[in-house]
C-alpha cells in the first residue's frame, strides 16, 4: 500500500495518537499545555513526533510529514524493474519540449509536492530491486542516471536511505 500517498485523514486513521507535554528547557515562553504529538503507524510500527510548535494542529502536521518521510525511507516493497510504474510516479515524468522523439524522459517532483514521498519510496524500491545499481534503476524508469540521482539528493533522508541500500548490496557510495 502507498502509505505516503494517503491523505492526512486516512494516514492519521491508521495511527495511534499520543498527546503529551514535551520536555525541554523551562522559562516564560515554555508551553505549559499538552500540545506535542506522537504518532505510531500501526501497519508498519514506525513512530514520528511533532513538538516544535505551540499549536497541537501544527505539531500534528509536522508529525504526519515526518511519518511519511520515515515510511518512504524505511519500508521497502518488492517491485520488478519491468513492471509498470505507479500512476503517481508516471504523473511526474515528462519529455522535454526541445528533445528528440527518442529522448529519455525526465522525472520532476519537488520536495514540497505532495507526491514527493510516494515517488521517493518508489525510487528506493527500484534501487533495491536492481541491487543498488543506479544506471539500472534509472534505465528501468526510462530516465537518465543523473536525473535519478538529482531527485534522490533533494532530501537528506532519501539520500541516506539510498546510500544504505547501495551499501547493503555491496555498491560504493554515491558522489
Foldseek 3Di string as FASTA:
>chain_A
DLLLLDDLVVQQVQWDKDWAQDDDDDDDPRQPDGQKIWIQRVVVRDIFIFDPDNHNVVRSVVRSVVVLLCCLLPPADADALQDDDDPLQVVQWDCDPPDDPPAFIAGDDAPPDSSLSSNLSVLLNLCLNVLLDQCSSCVSVRHHSVRSVVSQVNDPSSLVSSQVSNVVSVHHHDD
